[in-house]
Each structure stands twice: as structure tokens, then as C-alpha cells.
Amino acid sequence: MLRKNSVNVTAVILGGGRGTRLDPLTRYRSKPAVPLAGKYRLIDVAVSNCINSGIRKIFVLTQFNSASLNRHISKTYRFDDFSGGFVEILAAEQTIETERWFQGTADAVRRQLRHIIDGEVTHFLILSGDALYRQNFQAMIEEHVADCADISISCKMVGEQQAPQLGILGIDESRRIRWFREKPVPEELPKLRMPEEAAANAGLDCSQTPFLASMGTYLFRVPVLVEALEENPSHDFGKQIIPWSLDRYKVHAHLFHGYWEDIGTVRSFYQANLELLKDEPPFDFYDPEFPIFSHARLLPCSKIIDSKIERTLVAEGCTIERSIIRNSVIGIRSVIREGTVIEDSIVMGADFYEQELPSGRIPVGIGPNCIIRNAIIDKNVRIGENCQIINATGTMHASGEHACIRDGVIVVLKNAVIPPNTTI
């Protein structure tokens, strides 16, 4: 809970979307529950940003495939009784007014207002639970107060490739937002570029990133949020509520200059993980002043036997035997057996250790003498010996019972069993 200039902020993290563009990683879990960097989940980034910003009252709105997300949050974020802080899950519920699921981001907040408003809160910080970034929200809050804004939106310059997937906006010299286009079609982009003079006045470089995009982080004064949701019955903030608000309220942009990656597709998830392996990664999990929190597991050290490992993150509790691993992320409790080669891949690991195995069943982990390249191996996968998961034909998109290909990246589904000598 943050108190500054009579400001009391409660955070609302949206975690209920289907995440269809991230399928099959979201087939059995919600998007914010997708494992990240070997030992975290995407939701940890949003929650940690709030905690590190002094915001201790946090609601997470969930809906689809929420069991693993609910379990992770309940096990991870527990404040002491005297701090007044909490991370509380609010699931979609049937009420006298409606029996429907949440119809969008704004509808989710509207239907939960009765649970999240109290006598102290002055502002709501609404953010998504599926982006990788490090942001101290205090700067945004202080700027919001100084601007006497009703709504502030955290924004970042992006390139032409990202722009169609985001909300693009225009600002004046005071950073007040004058127009907003949610997910514009490519044909619209030329007229949505930020003018060079406006970018220079705002201290922005628009040579490579000429579009100012919403990060999906909104700071509302409580009366404004309540009024907007009552007067406008629309379901989505980006598509409907924010454009509608521009002529009615003072809506300002807060300019964010750090790393931010929207984990919206399998390709963006894959690249964001592998970028962590660079000498100077764009996102640093090792910052002691701004840590990313997660579930504290009582796991042993990883055991690595006669293996060659280059530029790789290895989480705790793993066993790696006489293998070669290059440029990869190896998640918790991973078991990689002898003779295996893994390159440019993400192995998410397992939720358990296997003590007894029925005769003839493939054990959890990666079997002997396998080759895995450019792949994501989801949790609890069983891969038999002599398998090749390499996408030798260069297929860009395919679907199967146990594995899929998305943007050229192979994804072996959670709990899948891959028989020995299989080639994918």
C-alpha cells in the first residue's frame, strides 16, 4: 500500500484471458501461470513490480484455466498480519445480476468493484499479468498527481512489427493523450507514427521505434473509474473505455524507457527466455534492489555429471548426466539423461520427482541420446530414448496430439509422452 500526497493505491492484475495466441502453452493453464526463466511464472513479474513499488494491496482477477495460477499465488505471496498487505484472487462468479463469464478487461473490473473498493483507496492501478518488464510504479503515480490527471497510461515506443498487436496513441506537448487506436491494421500505421518534433520534445527516439504504444497499465482515480464503468457498459479498456474517456477526462501518458516485452505469442515467449542468456540481457533477474519474487521451493542443488553446458540457465533440483546443453533454459526438477544434446531450447522441467515407475513406462524427463533444438518442452513431459525434436523440415505451423509447431518453434505439450525413436 503506497501513501504519498494522500494517494492510496490498490493494484488489480488481470489474469483471466484465454491466451489463445500463446497456445499450446495456455492449453492447461492461464497465461499468467506460464513458467518463465526456469523457476518463475509470468504473474511473478507483475506482482513483484507492485511489491517493489510499495503497493501491498493486490487483487488478481482470474477466469480460464486458473487452478495452477491460484495455487501458485496462494503458496507464494503471504504478508504478515501487521502489514495490511495481501495478494488476493478474485475469480469470475455468478451473481444475481449476471451468470456470464468476464466479457473483457473492463467487464472483469466492473463486476469485481464491489470487492475491491474500500474506504481508503484513492486510485486503482490496473495492469496485465503477462508481460516481462521491471517498473517502479511510484514514478508513474507521482507524475499522475503532478499532472492532475484522471487517468494515466504507461506507454513505450515500439517498432512497426509490434504496433499492430498493441494500442497506439498520440500525445500533445503536455503528454495528454489526444487519440488512441487499439491494434491498428498495418494499412493504418503510416498515419499513426509519432512526429519527429513531438518525439524530440518528449525526449524520445523515434528513428527505429516510431509508434507510442500502451503497455496496458492504467492508473485511475477511483471516482473516474467507477463513473466510466457505470456510464460506458463496454467490455474492454483498450478497445472501448480508454478511447471513450479521452474527451471526458484528463488522460495522460507516462513514458516508460526500460525493457518491456508483451509475452503474447509462442515466438515472443521463446525469444524473451533466450534473450536472458546474453552477456548483458535486456532483463536482469539478478537485480538485488528490485528482485522478482516467486514460490520458495525446498529443492536440492542441481546435479551435473560429466556434462558440457554453455550459456545456459539451470534451475534448482535438476539432474543432468553426460549431456551437452547450449544456449538453453533448464527448468526446475529437469532430468536429462546421458548422450542428449539440447540447443536453443526451453525445458520447463517437472512438478514432481518420480520415485517408482511401472515397468515399461517412460520416466519423466528427457531420455538418453536425444537431440532437441529450437524447442519448448513443457512440464512433466516424458521423452523416450533416441528421439529427435528438431523440426528438420522447417515447418512454421502444425498441430498434433503431443506436439505443435508455432512460428517454427516446436512445443511439446504438458504431460506429453513421446515414444522412443520419434522424430518431430
Protein backbone atom coordinates (compact mmCIF):
# COMPACT_ATOMS: atom_id res chain seq x y z
CA MET A 1 0.00 0.00 0.00
CA LEU A 2 1.53 3.31 -1.10
CA ARG A 3 0.81 6.55 0.75
CA LYS A 4 2.20 9.66 -0.88
CA ASN A 5 0.46 13.01 -1.30
CA SER A 6 -2.71 11.40 0.15
CA VAL A 7 -2.56 8.74 -2.56
CA ASN A 8 -3.58 5.22 -1.63
CA VAL A 9 -3.18 2.74 -4.48
CA THR A 10 -4.66 -0.72 -4.88
CA ALA A 11 -3.40 -2.88 -7.77
CA VAL A 12 -5.65 -5.03 -9.94
CA ILE A 13 -3.83 -7.59 -12.10
CA LEU A 14 -5.84 -9.03 -14.98
CA GLY A 15 -5.12 -12.72 -15.23
CA GLY A 16 -8.21 -14.24 -16.77
CA GLY A 17 -7.82 -14.23 -20.56
CA ARG A 18 -7.78 -17.36 -22.70
CA GLY A 19 -4.33 -16.55 -24.14
CA THR A 20 -5.12 -18.26 -27.45
CA ARG A 21 -2.09 -16.76 -29.22
CA LEU A 22 0.15 -18.49 -26.67
CA ASP A 23 -1.45 -21.89 -27.29
CA PRO A 24 -0.47 -24.68 -26.55
CA LEU A 25 1.35 -23.26 -23.50
CA THR A 26 -2.04 -21.95 -22.30
CA ARG A 27 -3.98 -25.10 -23.08
CA TYR A 28 -3.88 -26.31 -19.46
CA ARG A 29 -3.05 -23.09 -17.59
CA SER A 30 -3.85 -19.39 -17.72
CA LYS A 31 -1.44 -17.05 -19.46
CA PRO A 32 0.00 -15.50 -16.26
CA ALA A 33 0.73 -19.01 -14.94
CA VAL A 34 3.08 -19.90 -17.82
CA PRO A 35 6.56 -20.80 -16.45
CA LEU A 36 9.30 -18.26 -17.13
CA ALA A 37 13.12 -18.34 -16.92
CA GLY A 38 13.30 -21.80 -15.39
CA LYS A 39 11.72 -21.13 -11.99
CA TYR A 40 9.24 -18.21 -12.19
CA ARG A 41 5.79 -17.69 -13.62
CA LEU A 42 4.68 -14.68 -15.66
CA ILE A 43 2.44 -13.43 -12.84
CA ASP A 44 5.51 -13.06 -10.61
CA VAL A 45 6.71 -10.11 -12.69
CA ALA A 46 3.55 -8.04 -12.21
CA VAL A 47 3.22 -8.88 -8.52
CA SER A 48 6.91 -8.16 -7.86
CA ASN A 49 6.67 -4.80 -9.63
CA CYS A 50 3.82 -3.87 -7.28
CA ILE A 51 5.60 -5.06 -4.13
CA ASN A 52 8.84 -3.31 -5.09
CA SER A 53 6.83 -0.13 -5.73
CA GLY A 54 5.38 -0.18 -2.24
CA ILE A 55 1.93 -1.38 -3.35
CA ARG A 56 0.82 -4.09 -0.94
CA LYS A 57 -2.89 -4.42 -1.70
CA ILE A 58 -3.10 -6.54 -4.84
CA PHE A 59 -6.07 -8.31 -6.41
CA VAL A 60 -5.63 -10.86 -9.20
CA LEU A 61 -8.71 -11.39 -11.39
CA THR A 62 -8.82 -14.92 -12.81
CA GLN A 63 -11.14 -16.91 -15.05
CA PHE A 64 -9.88 -19.52 -17.53
CA ASN A 65 -7.67 -22.47 -16.51
CA SER A 66 -6.97 -20.73 -13.23
CA ALA A 67 -6.23 -23.68 -10.90
CA SER A 68 -2.42 -23.61 -11.22
CA LEU A 69 -2.34 -19.79 -11.03
CA ASN A 70 -4.50 -19.82 -7.89
CA ARG A 71 -2.30 -22.48 -6.30
CA HIS A 72 0.90 -20.59 -7.13
CA ILE A 73 -0.36 -17.29 -5.71
CA SER A 74 -1.73 -18.84 -2.52
CA LYS A 75 1.58 -20.62 -1.84
CA THR A 76 3.83 -17.70 -2.76
CA TYR A 77 2.51 -14.36 -1.55
CA ARG A 78 1.78 -14.22 2.15
CA PHE A 79 2.19 -10.96 4.08
CA ASP A 80 2.37 -10.72 7.85
CA ASP A 81 -0.74 -9.77 9.82
CA PHE A 82 0.54 -6.31 10.68
CA SER A 83 1.42 -5.00 7.20
CA GLY A 84 -2.16 -4.88 5.91
CA GLY A 85 -0.91 -6.28 2.63
CA PHE A 86 -2.30 -9.15 0.57
CA VAL A 87 -2.38 -10.76 -2.85
CA GLU A 88 -5.97 -11.95 -3.21
CA ILE A 89 -7.51 -13.96 -6.03
CA LEU A 90 -10.92 -12.92 -7.33
CA ALA A 91 -12.40 -15.50 -9.68
CA ALA A 92 -15.27 -14.94 -12.08
CA GLU A 93 -18.51 -15.60 -10.24
CA GLN A 94 -22.20 -15.94 -10.94
CA THR A 95 -24.33 -13.26 -9.30
CA ILE A 96 -27.94 -12.12 -9.27
CA GLU A 97 -27.04 -9.57 -11.95
CA THR A 98 -25.34 -11.97 -14.36
CA GLU A 99 -24.24 -15.58 -14.76
CA ARG A 100 -21.79 -14.85 -17.60
CA TRP A 101 -18.02 -15.19 -17.66
CA PHE A 102 -15.99 -11.97 -17.80
CA GLN A 103 -16.53 -10.48 -21.25
CA GLY A 104 -13.32 -8.42 -21.28
CA THR A 105 -10.87 -6.46 -19.14
CA ALA A 106 -13.28 -3.65 -18.25
CA ASP A 107 -16.13 -6.08 -17.60
CA ALA A 108 -13.91 -8.04 -15.20
CA VAL A 109 -13.07 -4.94 -13.16
CA ARG A 110 -16.66 -3.65 -13.27
CA ARG A 111 -18.04 -6.89 -11.87
CA GLN A 112 -15.45 -7.03 -9.08
CA LEU A 113 -15.70 -3.40 -7.96
CA ARG A 114 -17.85 -4.42 -5.00
CA HIS A 115 -14.94 -6.50 -3.69
CA ILE A 116 -12.00 -4.16 -4.37
CA ILE A 117 -13.27 -0.74 -3.26
CA ASP A 118 -12.72 0.23 0.36
CA GLY A 119 -12.83 3.46 2.33
CA GLU A 120 -9.11 4.19 1.91
CA VAL A 121 -8.30 3.54 -1.74
CA THR A 122 -7.97 6.66 -3.90
CA HIS A 123 -6.52 5.12 -7.07
CA PHE A 124 -6.60 1.79 -8.88
CA LEU A 125 -3.56 0.58 -10.81
CA ILE A 126 -4.82 -1.87 -13.44
CA LEU A 127 -2.22 -3.99 -15.22
CA SER A 128 -1.85 -7.22 -17.14
CA GLY A 129 -0.17 -10.31 -15.76
CA ASP A 130 1.61 -11.43 -18.92
CA ALA A 131 4.47 -9.03 -19.72
CA LEU A 132 8.17 -9.09 -18.85
CA TYR A 133 9.41 -5.76 -17.53
CA ARG A 134 10.69 -4.04 -14.40
CA GLN A 135 8.88 -0.83 -13.45
CA ASN A 136 8.72 1.22 -10.28
CA PHE A 137 5.15 2.49 -10.33
CA GLN A 138 5.95 5.27 -7.86
CA ALA A 139 7.28 7.42 -10.72
CA MET A 140 4.04 6.94 -12.62
CA ILE A 141 1.95 7.75 -9.54
CA GLU A 142 3.92 10.90 -8.73
CA GLU A 143 3.65 12.11 -12.33
CA HIS A 144 -0.07 11.35 -12.35
CA VAL A 145 -0.56 13.52 -9.25
CA ALA A 146 1.61 16.34 -10.68
CA ASP A 147 -0.40 16.30 -13.93
CA CYS A 148 -3.70 16.40 -12.01
CA ALA A 149 -4.68 13.55 -14.33
CA ASP A 150 -7.83 11.46 -14.09
CA ILE A 151 -6.26 8.53 -15.92
CA SER A 152 -2.60 7.80 -16.68
CA ILE A 153 -1.41 5.15 -19.11
CA SER A 154 2.10 3.72 -19.08
CA CYS A 155 3.47 3.93 -22.64
CA LYS A 156 6.54 2.86 -24.60
CA MET A 157 7.91 3.46 -28.08
CA VAL A 158 7.69 0.36 -30.31
CA GLY A 159 8.52 -0.62 -33.87
CA GLU A 160 6.35 -1.45 -36.85
CA GLN A 161 6.32 -5.17 -36.14
CA GLN A 162 4.89 -4.79 -32.61
CA ALA A 163 2.47 -1.93 -33.32
CA PRO A 164 -0.45 -3.97 -34.81
CA GLN A 165 -0.66 -6.05 -31.63
CA LEU A 166 -0.90 -3.06 -29.26
CA GLY A 167 -2.83 0.13 -28.62
CA ILE A 168 -1.17 3.06 -30.42
CA LEU A 169 -1.73 6.62 -29.23
CA GLY A 170 -0.84 10.24 -29.83
CA ILE A 171 0.06 12.90 -27.25
CA ASP A 172 0.44 16.67 -27.13
CA GLU A 173 3.27 18.70 -25.56
CA SER A 174 1.87 18.11 -22.05
CA ARG A 175 1.69 14.33 -22.65
CA ARG A 176 -2.08 14.46 -22.71
CA ILE A 177 -3.43 11.68 -24.93
CA ARG A 178 -5.39 13.06 -27.88
CA TRP A 179 -6.19 9.87 -29.82
CA PHE A 180 -5.99 6.11 -29.31
CA ARG A 181 -6.16 3.20 -31.80
CA GLU A 182 -6.35 -0.32 -30.42
CA LYS A 183 -4.50 -2.92 -32.55
CA PRO A 184 -4.47 -0.94 -35.81
CA VAL A 185 -4.29 -2.77 -39.11
CA PRO A 186 -0.96 -2.40 -40.95
CA GLU A 187 -2.51 -0.04 -43.51
CA GLU A 188 -3.22 2.48 -40.74
CA LEU A 189 0.32 2.60 -39.39
CA PRO A 190 1.83 5.37 -41.60
CA LYS A 191 -0.58 7.97 -40.20
CA LEU A 192 -0.07 6.77 -36.61
CA ARG A 193 3.67 7.41 -36.44
CA MET A 194 4.78 9.90 -33.82
CA PRO A 195 6.02 13.14 -35.47
CA GLU A 196 9.77 13.59 -35.02
CA GLU A 197 9.34 17.02 -33.43
CA ALA A 198 6.88 15.68 -30.85
CA ALA A 199 9.20 12.77 -30.08
CA ALA A 200 12.16 15.12 -29.63
CA ASN A 201 10.17 17.37 -27.29
CA ALA A 202 9.30 14.32 -25.18
CA GLY A 203 12.91 13.10 -25.18
CA LEU A 204 12.08 10.05 -27.29
CA ASP A 205 13.94 8.45 -30.19
CA CYS A 206 11.51 7.52 -32.95
CA SER A 207 14.03 6.53 -35.64
CA GLN A 208 13.62 2.78 -35.08
CA THR A 209 10.52 2.80 -32.87
CA PRO A 210 8.14 5.43 -34.29
CA PHE A 211 4.92 4.36 -32.52
CA LEU A 212 3.88 5.21 -28.98
CA ALA A 213 2.11 2.16 -27.54
CA SER A 214 0.09 1.50 -24.43
CA MET A 215 1.62 -1.07 -22.09
CA GLY A 216 -1.84 -1.97 -20.79
CA THR A 217 -1.11 -0.34 -17.42
CA TYR A 218 -3.77 2.16 -16.32
CA LEU A 219 -3.87 4.37 -13.22
CA PHE A 220 -7.39 5.62 -12.45
CA ARG A 221 -8.72 7.94 -9.81
CA VAL A 222 -11.40 5.85 -8.10
CA PRO A 223 -14.37 8.16 -8.86
CA VAL A 224 -13.33 8.29 -12.53
CA LEU A 225 -13.09 4.51 -12.81
CA VAL A 226 -16.46 4.00 -11.16
CA GLU A 227 -18.11 6.65 -13.32
CA ALA A 228 -16.57 5.39 -16.55
CA LEU A 229 -17.60 1.80 -15.91
CA GLU A 230 -21.13 2.84 -14.95
CA GLU A 231 -21.69 5.19 -17.90
CA ASN A 232 -20.00 3.03 -20.53
CA PRO A 233 -21.13 -0.62 -20.49
CA SER A 234 -18.38 -1.70 -22.91
CA HIS A 235 -16.26 -4.71 -22.06
CA ASP A 236 -12.66 -3.73 -22.88
CA PHE A 237 -10.37 -0.95 -21.63
CA GLY A 238 -8.13 -0.66 -24.69
CA LYS A 239 -10.76 -1.02 -27.39
CA GLN A 240 -13.57 0.96 -25.79
CA ILE A 241 -13.19 2.58 -22.36
CA ILE A 242 -9.93 4.46 -23.00
CA PRO A 243 -10.90 5.95 -26.42
CA TRP A 244 -14.29 6.94 -24.95
CA SER A 245 -12.56 8.63 -21.98
CA LEU A 246 -10.30 10.96 -23.98
CA ASP A 247 -12.94 13.68 -24.46
CA ARG A 248 -14.36 13.33 -20.95
CA TYR A 249 -11.33 13.09 -18.65
CA LYS A 250 -7.71 14.20 -18.42
CA VAL A 251 -5.88 11.17 -19.77
CA HIS A 252 -2.08 11.43 -19.71
CA ALA A 253 0.77 9.23 -20.90
CA HIS A 254 3.55 8.14 -18.59
CA LEU A 255 6.61 7.47 -20.75
CA PHE A 256 8.48 4.28 -19.88
CA HIS A 257 12.03 3.91 -21.24
CA GLY A 258 13.03 0.47 -19.98
CA TYR A 259 12.74 -3.05 -21.39
CA TRP A 260 9.19 -4.31 -21.85
CA GLU A 261 8.09 -7.40 -23.74
CA ASP A 262 4.49 -8.42 -24.21
CA ILE A 263 4.51 -12.24 -23.95
CA GLY A 264 1.69 -12.66 -26.43
CA THR A 265 2.86 -15.43 -28.74
CA VAL A 266 4.95 -18.60 -28.61
CA ARG A 267 7.68 -16.86 -30.61
CA SER A 268 7.83 -13.84 -28.26
CA PHE A 269 7.87 -16.17 -25.23
CA TYR A 270 10.68 -18.23 -26.76
CA GLN A 271 12.77 -15.19 -27.67
CA ALA A 272 12.26 -13.46 -24.31
CA ASN A 273 13.57 -16.53 -22.49
CA LEU A 274 16.62 -16.99 -24.71
CA GLU A 275 17.49 -13.29 -24.51
CA LEU A 276 18.11 -13.86 -20.80
CA LEU A 277 21.23 -15.80 -21.83
CA LYS A 278 23.05 -12.81 -23.33
CA ASP A 279 26.13 -11.34 -21.68
CA GLU A 280 24.06 -8.25 -20.94
CA PRO A 281 20.44 -9.44 -21.03
CA PRO A 282 17.74 -6.82 -21.61
CA PHE A 283 16.01 -8.05 -18.46
CA ASP A 284 18.06 -8.83 -15.37
CA PHE A 285 16.75 -11.27 -12.77
CA TYR A 286 19.84 -10.61 -10.63
CA ASP A 287 18.99 -7.06 -9.52
CA PRO A 288 19.15 -7.13 -5.68
CA GLU A 289 17.39 -3.77 -5.40
CA PHE A 290 14.37 -4.88 -7.43
CA PRO A 291 14.01 -8.67 -7.08
CA ILE A 292 11.45 -10.83 -8.83
CA PHE A 293 9.72 -12.94 -6.20
CA SER A 294 8.42 -16.46 -6.69
CA HIS A 295 7.48 -19.61 -4.81
CA ALA A 296 10.28 -20.65 -2.44
CA ARG A 297 10.76 -24.35 -3.12
CA LEU A 298 12.73 -26.68 -0.84
CA LEU A 299 14.70 -28.31 -3.65
CA PRO A 300 18.24 -29.71 -3.63
CA CYS A 301 21.06 -28.29 -5.72
CA SER A 302 21.20 -29.35 -9.35
CA LYS A 303 23.48 -32.31 -10.01
CA ILE A 304 25.51 -32.12 -13.22
CA ILE A 305 27.59 -35.16 -14.12
CA ASP A 306 30.31 -35.07 -16.84
CA SER A 307 28.32 -32.64 -18.99
CA LYS A 308 29.19 -29.69 -21.22
CA ILE A 309 26.97 -26.68 -20.59
CA GLU A 310 27.36 -23.40 -22.45
CA ARG A 311 25.39 -20.18 -21.93
CA THR A 312 22.52 -21.84 -20.08
CA LEU A 313 20.28 -21.16 -17.09
CA VAL A 314 19.85 -24.24 -14.88
CA ALA A 315 17.21 -24.07 -12.15
CA GLU A 316 17.39 -25.98 -8.88
CA GLY A 317 16.62 -29.65 -8.40
CA CYS A 318 17.86 -30.86 -11.81
CA THR A 319 19.86 -33.96 -12.75
CA ILE A 320 21.92 -33.74 -15.93
CA GLU A 321 24.02 -36.75 -16.95
CA ARG A 322 26.75 -36.73 -19.62
CA SER A 323 24.92 -34.37 -21.92
CA ILE A 324 25.64 -31.27 -24.00
CA ILE A 325 23.47 -28.20 -23.46
CA ARG A 326 23.93 -24.92 -25.30
CA ASN A 327 22.01 -21.63 -25.18
CA SER A 328 19.03 -23.04 -23.30
CA VAL A 329 16.88 -22.63 -20.19
CA ILE A 330 16.53 -25.71 -17.98
CA GLY A 331 13.64 -25.54 -15.51
CA ILE A 332 13.14 -26.97 -12.04
CA ARG A 333 13.42 -30.75 -11.48
CA SER A 334 14.53 -31.37 -15.06
CA VAL A 335 16.01 -34.80 -15.71
CA ILE A 336 18.28 -35.04 -18.77
CA ARG A 337 19.83 -38.42 -19.38
CA GLU A 338 23.19 -39.34 -20.91
CA GLY A 339 24.09 -38.69 -24.51
CA THR A 340 21.47 -35.99 -25.05
CA VAL A 341 22.14 -32.73 -26.92
CA ILE A 342 19.93 -29.69 -26.25
CA GLU A 343 20.42 -26.42 -28.16
CA ASP A 344 18.43 -23.16 -28.28
CA SER A 345 15.61 -24.67 -26.25
CA ILE A 346 13.47 -24.19 -23.15
CA VAL A 347 12.94 -27.22 -20.92
CA MET A 348 10.36 -26.34 -18.26
CA GLY A 349 11.07 -29.31 -16.01
CA ALA A 350 8.60 -31.09 -13.76
CA ASP A 351 6.18 -30.55 -10.87
CA PHE A 352 7.35 -33.66 -9.00
CA TYR A 353 10.06 -36.25 -8.55
CA GLU A 354 9.24 -39.76 -9.71
CA GLN A 355 10.11 -42.39 -7.10
CA GLU A 356 8.62 -45.57 -8.52
CA LEU A 357 7.95 -46.26 -12.19
CA PRO A 358 5.75 -49.07 -13.53
CA SER A 359 7.55 -51.47 -15.82
CA GLY A 360 7.69 -50.32 -19.43
CA ARG A 361 6.67 -46.72 -18.73
CA ILE A 362 8.85 -43.87 -19.96
CA PRO A 363 10.16 -41.86 -16.98
CA VAL A 364 9.61 -38.13 -16.59
CA GLY A 365 12.34 -36.13 -18.31
CA ILE A 366 14.41 -36.50 -21.44
CA GLY A 367 15.70 -39.95 -22.32
CA PRO A 368 19.20 -40.98 -23.40
CA ASN A 369 20.69 -39.99 -26.76
CA CYS A 370 18.09 -37.43 -27.75
CA ILE A 371 18.60 -34.30 -29.87
CA ILE A 372 16.45 -31.24 -29.11
CA ARG A 373 16.80 -27.95 -30.98
CA ASN A 374 14.66 -24.80 -31.20
CA ALA A 375 12.01 -26.28 -28.95
CA ILE A 376 9.94 -25.67 -25.84
CA ILE A 377 9.48 -28.79 -23.70
CA ASP A 378 6.56 -28.14 -21.34
CA LYS A 379 6.29 -29.57 -17.83
CA ASN A 380 6.09 -33.26 -16.87
CA VAL A 381 6.97 -34.45 -20.38
CA ARG A 382 8.25 -38.00 -20.91
CA ILE A 383 10.60 -38.35 -23.87
CA GLY A 384 11.95 -41.79 -24.73
CA GLU A 385 15.45 -42.61 -25.90
CA ASN A 386 16.87 -41.70 -29.32
CA CYS A 387 14.24 -39.04 -30.06
CA GLN A 388 14.95 -36.11 -32.38
CA ILE A 389 12.91 -32.96 -31.78
CA ILE A 390 14.43 -30.70 -34.41
CA ASN A 391 11.80 -29.62 -36.97
CA ALA A 392 14.01 -30.91 -39.77
CA THR A 393 11.53 -29.84 -42.48
CA GLY A 394 11.41 -26.21 -41.31
CA THR A 395 7.63 -26.28 -40.79
CA MET A 396 6.25 -22.98 -39.49
CA HIS A 397 2.89 -24.11 -38.15
CA ALA A 398 1.49 -27.55 -37.32
CA SER A 399 -0.64 -29.20 -34.66
CA GLY A 400 -0.55 -32.67 -33.19
CA GLU A 401 -1.71 -34.67 -30.20
CA HIS A 402 1.56 -34.42 -28.28
CA ALA A 403 3.46 -31.61 -30.01
CA CYS A 404 2.80 -28.47 -32.04
CA ILE A 405 4.86 -26.06 -34.12
CA ARG A 406 4.24 -22.33 -33.75
CA ASP A 407 6.26 -19.81 -35.79
CA GLY A 408 8.84 -22.52 -36.40
CA VAL A 409 9.24 -23.35 -32.70
CA ILE A 410 8.38 -26.90 -31.61
CA VAL A 411 6.28 -27.12 -28.44
CA VAL A 412 5.96 -30.49 -26.72
CA LEU A 413 2.74 -30.29 -24.71
CA LYS A 414 2.49 -30.56 -20.94
CA ASN A 415 2.32 -34.20 -19.74
CA ALA A 416 3.03 -35.48 -23.26
CA VAL A 417 4.62 -38.89 -23.78
CA ILE A 418 6.99 -39.15 -26.75
CA PRO A 419 7.84 -42.80 -27.63
CA PRO A 420 11.48 -43.85 -28.22
CA ASN A 421 12.99 -43.20 -31.68
CA THR A 422 10.43 -40.50 -32.51
CA THR A 423 11.37 -37.66 -34.88
CA ILE A 424 9.44 -34.39 -34.81
